Amino acid sequence: MVKNGVKRATASFVYWYESGKEVFPVKADVNIVTDWNGIAQCVINTKKNSILPFKKVDSEMAFTEGEGDKSLDYRRKAHITFFERELKKEKINFPEDTEIVFEEFEMIYK
């Protein structure tokens, strides 16, 4: 979806960065996007990061994430399922006011 220009944003937990499990993305970061086999597919550049509660993601942000039918309803359901599964491993509940990092990016090479 990133390589095809459909997905131009992603969301992750602030917790992962605070716990040291991930490196916080910053504006102008350049990253290689790989497929499931680790083969490079394209290169992206971080344009903007927003920290906000999960429940504050709006329909424009959902569309930018590009998943499913790009609707807010689809995004909420899919992300709740994913986030609950990930946090269960950490023995953490997922209230909808959990802070996320909404990272917007552009593809700069494919």
N, C-alpha and C. Protein backbone atom coordinates (compact mmCIF):
# COMPACT_ATOMS: atom_id res chain seq x y z
N MET A 1 0.83 -1.20 0.00
CA MET A 1 0.00 0.00 0.00
C MET A 1 0.86 1.26 0.00
N VAL A 2 1.99 1.21 0.70
CA VAL A 2 2.90 2.36 0.70
C VAL A 2 3.50 2.53 -0.69
N LYS A 3 3.98 1.45 -1.26
CA LYS A 3 4.63 1.50 -2.57
C LYS A 3 3.67 2.01 -3.65
N ASN A 4 2.39 1.71 -3.49
CA ASN A 4 1.39 2.15 -4.47
C ASN A 4 0.85 3.54 -4.18
N GLY A 5 1.33 4.18 -3.11
CA GLY A 5 0.91 5.53 -2.79
C GLY A 5 -0.42 5.63 -2.07
N VAL A 6 -0.99 4.49 -1.68
CA VAL A 6 -2.29 4.48 -1.00
C VAL A 6 -2.11 4.81 0.48
N LYS A 7 -1.11 4.24 1.11
CA LYS A 7 -0.85 4.46 2.53
C LYS A 7 0.21 5.55 2.68
N ARG A 8 -0.19 6.66 3.32
CA ARG A 8 0.72 7.79 3.50
C ARG A 8 0.86 8.18 4.96
N ALA A 9 0.42 7.27 5.86
CA ALA A 9 0.51 7.52 7.30
C ALA A 9 0.41 6.19 8.03
N THR A 10 0.85 6.22 9.28
CA THR A 10 0.73 5.05 10.13
C THR A 10 0.57 5.50 11.57
N ALA A 11 0.12 4.62 12.42
CA ALA A 11 -0.09 4.95 13.83
C ALA A 11 0.58 3.90 14.70
N SER A 12 1.13 4.36 15.81
CA SER A 12 1.77 3.47 16.76
C SER A 12 1.59 4.03 18.17
N PHE A 13 1.89 3.22 19.16
CA PHE A 13 1.71 3.63 20.55
C PHE A 13 2.85 4.49 21.05
N VAL A 14 2.54 5.53 21.76
CA VAL A 14 3.55 6.32 22.45
C VAL A 14 4.30 5.41 23.42
N TYR A 15 3.59 4.47 24.04
CA TYR A 15 4.17 3.53 24.99
C TYR A 15 5.41 2.84 24.42
N TRP A 16 5.34 2.40 23.16
CA TRP A 16 6.46 1.68 22.56
C TRP A 16 7.72 2.54 22.54
N TYR A 17 7.55 3.83 22.33
CA TYR A 17 8.71 4.74 22.30
C TYR A 17 9.20 5.03 23.71
N GLU A 18 8.27 5.25 24.62
CA GLU A 18 8.64 5.53 26.01
C GLU A 18 9.34 4.34 26.66
N SER A 19 8.96 3.14 26.26
CA SER A 19 9.55 1.93 26.84
C SER A 19 10.89 1.56 26.21
N GLY A 20 11.27 2.28 25.16
CA GLY A 20 12.52 1.99 24.48
C GLY A 20 12.44 0.88 23.46
N LYS A 21 11.23 0.39 23.17
CA LYS A 21 11.08 -0.70 22.20
C LYS A 21 11.18 -0.21 20.76
N GLU A 22 10.96 1.07 20.56
CA GLU A 22 11.03 1.66 19.23
C GLU A 22 11.74 3.01 19.32
N VAL A 23 12.28 3.46 18.20
CA VAL A 23 12.90 4.78 18.12
C VAL A 23 11.85 5.75 17.59
N PHE A 24 11.65 6.86 18.32
CA PHE A 24 10.61 7.82 17.96
C PHE A 24 10.89 8.42 16.58
N PRO A 25 9.90 8.39 15.68
CA PRO A 25 10.11 8.98 14.36
C PRO A 25 10.12 10.50 14.44
N VAL A 26 10.98 11.12 13.67
CA VAL A 26 11.05 12.58 13.64
C VAL A 26 10.96 13.07 12.20
N LYS A 27 10.54 14.31 12.06
CA LYS A 27 10.42 14.92 10.75
C LYS A 27 11.74 14.80 10.01
N ALA A 28 11.66 14.45 8.74
CA ALA A 28 12.79 14.28 7.83
C ALA A 28 13.50 12.93 7.98
N ASP A 29 13.03 12.04 8.89
CA ASP A 29 13.56 10.68 8.94
C ASP A 29 13.37 10.03 7.58
N VAL A 30 14.32 9.24 7.16
CA VAL A 30 14.23 8.47 5.93
C VAL A 30 14.27 7.00 6.31
N ASN A 31 13.31 6.22 5.81
CA ASN A 31 13.22 4.80 6.16
C ASN A 31 12.98 3.96 4.91
N ILE A 32 13.50 2.75 4.95
CA ILE A 32 13.26 1.79 3.88
C ILE A 32 12.07 0.92 4.28
N VAL A 33 11.10 0.81 3.40
CA VAL A 33 9.93 -0.04 3.62
C VAL A 33 10.23 -1.38 2.95
N THR A 34 10.07 -2.46 3.72
CA THR A 34 10.33 -3.80 3.19
C THR A 34 9.05 -4.62 3.14
N ASP A 35 9.10 -5.69 2.37
CA ASP A 35 7.98 -6.63 2.38
C ASP A 35 8.19 -7.60 3.55
N TRP A 36 7.31 -8.60 3.67
CA TRP A 36 7.39 -9.53 4.79
C TRP A 36 8.69 -10.34 4.79
N ASN A 37 9.36 -10.41 3.65
CA ASN A 37 10.61 -11.16 3.54
C ASN A 37 11.84 -10.28 3.76
N GLY A 38 11.61 -9.00 4.09
CA GLY A 38 12.72 -8.10 4.35
C GLY A 38 13.34 -7.50 3.09
N ILE A 39 12.66 -7.65 1.97
CA ILE A 39 13.16 -7.10 0.71
C ILE A 39 12.66 -5.67 0.54
N ALA A 40 13.60 -4.75 0.29
CA ALA A 40 13.26 -3.33 0.15
C ALA A 40 12.25 -3.11 -0.98
N GLN A 41 11.24 -2.29 -0.69
CA GLN A 41 10.21 -1.98 -1.68
C GLN A 41 10.20 -0.50 -2.08
N CYS A 42 10.47 0.37 -1.12
CA CYS A 42 10.50 1.80 -1.40
C CYS A 42 11.14 2.53 -0.22
N VAL A 43 11.35 3.83 -0.39
CA VAL A 43 11.93 4.65 0.65
C VAL A 43 10.94 5.77 0.97
N ILE A 44 10.74 6.02 2.27
CA ILE A 44 9.81 7.08 2.70
C ILE A 44 10.54 8.13 3.53
N ASN A 45 9.94 9.29 3.58
CA ASN A 45 10.46 10.42 4.35
C ASN A 45 9.34 10.88 5.29
N THR A 46 9.61 10.95 6.59
CA THR A 46 8.61 11.40 7.56
C THR A 46 8.36 12.90 7.38
N LYS A 47 7.10 13.26 7.18
CA LYS A 47 6.72 14.67 7.00
C LYS A 47 6.26 15.31 8.29
N LYS A 48 5.55 14.54 9.12
CA LYS A 48 4.93 15.12 10.31
C LYS A 48 4.55 14.02 11.29
N ASN A 49 4.65 14.32 12.58
CA ASN A 49 4.17 13.43 13.64
C ASN A 49 3.20 14.19 14.52
N SER A 50 2.15 13.53 14.91
CA SER A 50 1.19 14.11 15.85
C SER A 50 1.00 13.10 16.98
N ILE A 51 1.00 13.59 18.20
CA ILE A 51 0.69 12.73 19.35
C ILE A 51 -0.70 13.12 19.81
N LEU A 52 -1.59 12.12 19.86
CA LEU A 52 -2.97 12.38 20.24
C LEU A 52 -3.61 11.11 20.77
N PRO A 53 -4.72 11.25 21.50
CA PRO A 53 -5.43 10.05 21.95
C PRO A 53 -6.01 9.31 20.74
N PHE A 54 -6.02 8.00 20.81
CA PHE A 54 -6.56 7.17 19.73
C PHE A 54 -7.93 7.66 19.28
N LYS A 55 -8.79 8.01 20.24
CA LYS A 55 -10.17 8.38 19.92
C LYS A 55 -10.27 9.71 19.16
N LYS A 56 -9.18 10.46 19.06
CA LYS A 56 -9.19 11.76 18.38
C LYS A 56 -8.80 11.66 16.91
N VAL A 57 -8.44 10.46 16.43
CA VAL A 57 -8.14 10.29 15.01
C VAL A 57 -9.42 10.57 14.23
N ASP A 58 -9.32 11.40 13.18
CA ASP A 58 -10.50 11.77 12.41
C ASP A 58 -10.54 11.06 11.05
N SER A 59 -11.59 11.31 10.29
CA SER A 59 -11.78 10.62 9.02
C SER A 59 -10.70 10.97 8.00
N GLU A 60 -10.19 12.18 8.03
CA GLU A 60 -9.12 12.56 7.11
C GLU A 60 -7.85 11.76 7.41
N MET A 61 -7.56 11.60 8.69
CA MET A 61 -6.39 10.81 9.08
C MET A 61 -6.58 9.35 8.68
N ALA A 62 -7.77 8.82 8.89
CA ALA A 62 -8.06 7.43 8.51
C ALA A 62 -7.86 7.24 7.01
N PHE A 63 -8.31 8.18 6.22
CA PHE A 63 -8.15 8.12 4.77
C PHE A 63 -6.67 8.11 4.40
N THR A 64 -5.88 8.93 5.06
CA THR A 64 -4.44 9.02 4.79
C THR A 64 -3.74 7.71 5.13
N GLU A 65 -4.24 7.02 6.17
CA GLU A 65 -3.64 5.72 6.51
C GLU A 65 -3.90 4.69 5.43
N GLY A 66 -4.99 4.86 4.68
CA GLY A 66 -5.22 4.08 3.47
C GLY A 66 -5.61 2.63 3.63
N GLU A 67 -6.04 2.21 4.79
CA GLU A 67 -6.34 0.80 4.99
C GLU A 67 -7.82 0.49 4.76
N GLY A 68 -8.10 -0.73 4.31
CA GLY A 68 -9.48 -1.16 4.08
C GLY A 68 -10.18 -0.23 3.11
N ASP A 69 -11.38 0.22 3.49
CA ASP A 69 -12.13 1.15 2.63
C ASP A 69 -11.78 2.61 2.93
N LYS A 70 -10.76 2.81 3.75
CA LYS A 70 -10.23 4.14 4.12
C LYS A 70 -11.17 4.94 5.03
N SER A 71 -12.21 4.30 5.53
CA SER A 71 -13.17 5.00 6.40
C SER A 71 -12.68 5.01 7.85
N LEU A 72 -13.19 5.95 8.62
CA LEU A 72 -12.86 6.03 10.04
C LEU A 72 -13.36 4.79 10.78
N ASP A 73 -14.54 4.33 10.42
CA ASP A 73 -15.11 3.15 11.09
C ASP A 73 -14.23 1.92 10.86
N TYR A 74 -13.83 1.69 9.62
CA TYR A 74 -12.95 0.55 9.33
C TYR A 74 -11.66 0.67 10.12
N ARG A 75 -11.05 1.86 10.08
CA ARG A 75 -9.78 2.09 10.75
C ARG A 75 -9.87 1.82 12.24
N ARG A 76 -10.93 2.35 12.87
CA ARG A 76 -11.10 2.16 14.31
C ARG A 76 -11.17 0.68 14.67
N LYS A 77 -12.03 -0.05 13.96
CA LYS A 77 -12.19 -1.48 14.26
C LYS A 77 -10.90 -2.25 14.05
N ALA A 78 -10.23 -2.02 12.93
CA ALA A 78 -9.00 -2.74 12.62
C ALA A 78 -7.89 -2.41 13.62
N HIS A 79 -7.77 -1.13 13.97
CA HIS A 79 -6.72 -0.73 14.89
C HIS A 79 -7.00 -1.19 16.33
N ILE A 80 -8.25 -1.15 16.73
CA ILE A 80 -8.58 -1.63 18.08
C ILE A 80 -8.20 -3.11 18.20
N THR A 81 -8.56 -3.90 17.19
CA THR A 81 -8.21 -5.33 17.19
C THR A 81 -6.69 -5.50 17.28
N PHE A 82 -5.95 -4.78 16.45
CA PHE A 82 -4.49 -4.89 16.44
C PHE A 82 -3.88 -4.41 17.75
N PHE A 83 -4.28 -3.22 18.20
CA PHE A 83 -3.69 -2.64 19.40
C PHE A 83 -4.00 -3.48 20.64
N GLU A 84 -5.23 -3.97 20.75
CA GLU A 84 -5.57 -4.82 21.89
C GLU A 84 -4.71 -6.08 21.91
N ARG A 85 -4.51 -6.69 20.74
CA ARG A 85 -3.68 -7.90 20.65
C ARG A 85 -2.23 -7.59 21.05
N GLU A 86 -1.69 -6.48 20.58
CA GLU A 86 -0.31 -6.11 20.89
C GLU A 86 -0.14 -5.77 22.38
N LEU A 87 -1.09 -5.04 22.93
CA LEU A 87 -0.96 -4.64 24.33
C LEU A 87 -1.23 -5.79 25.29
N LYS A 88 -2.01 -6.78 24.84
CA LYS A 88 -2.26 -7.95 25.67
C LYS A 88 -0.95 -8.64 26.00
N LYS A 89 -0.03 -8.66 25.03
CA LYS A 89 1.30 -9.25 25.26
C LYS A 89 2.04 -8.52 26.37
N GLU A 90 1.76 -7.24 26.52
CA GLU A 90 2.42 -6.40 27.53
C GLU A 90 1.61 -6.34 28.84
N LYS A 91 0.44 -7.01 28.83
CA LYS A 91 -0.48 -7.00 29.97
C LYS A 91 -0.94 -5.58 30.29
N ILE A 92 -1.28 -4.85 29.21
CA ILE A 92 -1.77 -3.47 29.32
C ILE A 92 -3.13 -3.41 28.64
N ASN A 93 -4.07 -2.71 29.25
CA ASN A 93 -5.38 -2.50 28.65
C ASN A 93 -5.30 -1.43 27.58
N PHE A 94 -6.30 -1.39 26.72
CA PHE A 94 -6.34 -0.40 25.65
C PHE A 94 -7.58 0.48 25.76
N PRO A 95 -7.51 1.52 26.61
CA PRO A 95 -8.62 2.49 26.58
C PRO A 95 -8.44 3.38 25.36
N GLU A 96 -9.52 3.91 24.83
CA GLU A 96 -9.45 4.71 23.61
C GLU A 96 -8.81 6.08 23.80
N ASP A 97 -8.44 6.41 25.04
CA ASP A 97 -7.69 7.65 25.24
C ASP A 97 -6.19 7.39 25.29
N THR A 98 -5.78 6.15 24.96
CA THR A 98 -4.37 5.82 24.86
C THR A 98 -3.73 6.70 23.80
N GLU A 99 -2.56 7.27 24.13
CA GLU A 99 -1.89 8.15 23.18
C GLU A 99 -1.18 7.35 22.09
N ILE A 100 -1.34 7.86 20.87
CA ILE A 100 -0.67 7.27 19.72
C ILE A 100 0.19 8.32 19.03
N VAL A 101 1.11 7.85 18.23
CA VAL A 101 1.87 8.71 17.35
C VAL A 101 1.31 8.48 15.95
N PHE A 102 0.81 9.54 15.34
CA PHE A 102 0.31 9.47 13.97
C PHE A 102 1.39 10.06 13.07
N GLU A 103 2.05 9.20 12.31
CA GLU A 103 3.18 9.59 11.49
C GLU A 103 2.75 9.69 10.02
N GLU A 104 2.92 10.88 9.46
CA GLU A 104 2.62 11.09 8.04
C GLU A 104 3.94 11.08 7.27
N PHE A 105 3.92 10.45 6.09
CA PHE A 105 5.15 10.31 5.32
C PHE A 105 4.86 10.42 3.84
N GLU A 106 5.93 10.59 3.08
CA GLU A 106 5.81 10.58 1.63
C GLU A 106 6.82 9.58 1.07
N MET A 107 6.44 8.94 -0.01
CA MET A 107 7.36 8.02 -0.65
C MET A 107 8.32 8.86 -1.50
N ILE A 108 9.61 8.62 -1.34
CA ILE A 108 10.58 9.40 -2.11
C ILE A 108 11.35 8.56 -3.13
N TYR A 109 11.19 7.24 -3.05
CA TYR A 109 11.86 6.38 -4.03
C TYR A 109 11.20 5.03 -4.04
N LYS A 110 11.00 4.48 -5.26
CA LYS A 110 10.52 3.08 -5.36
C LYS A 110 11.18 2.39 -6.52
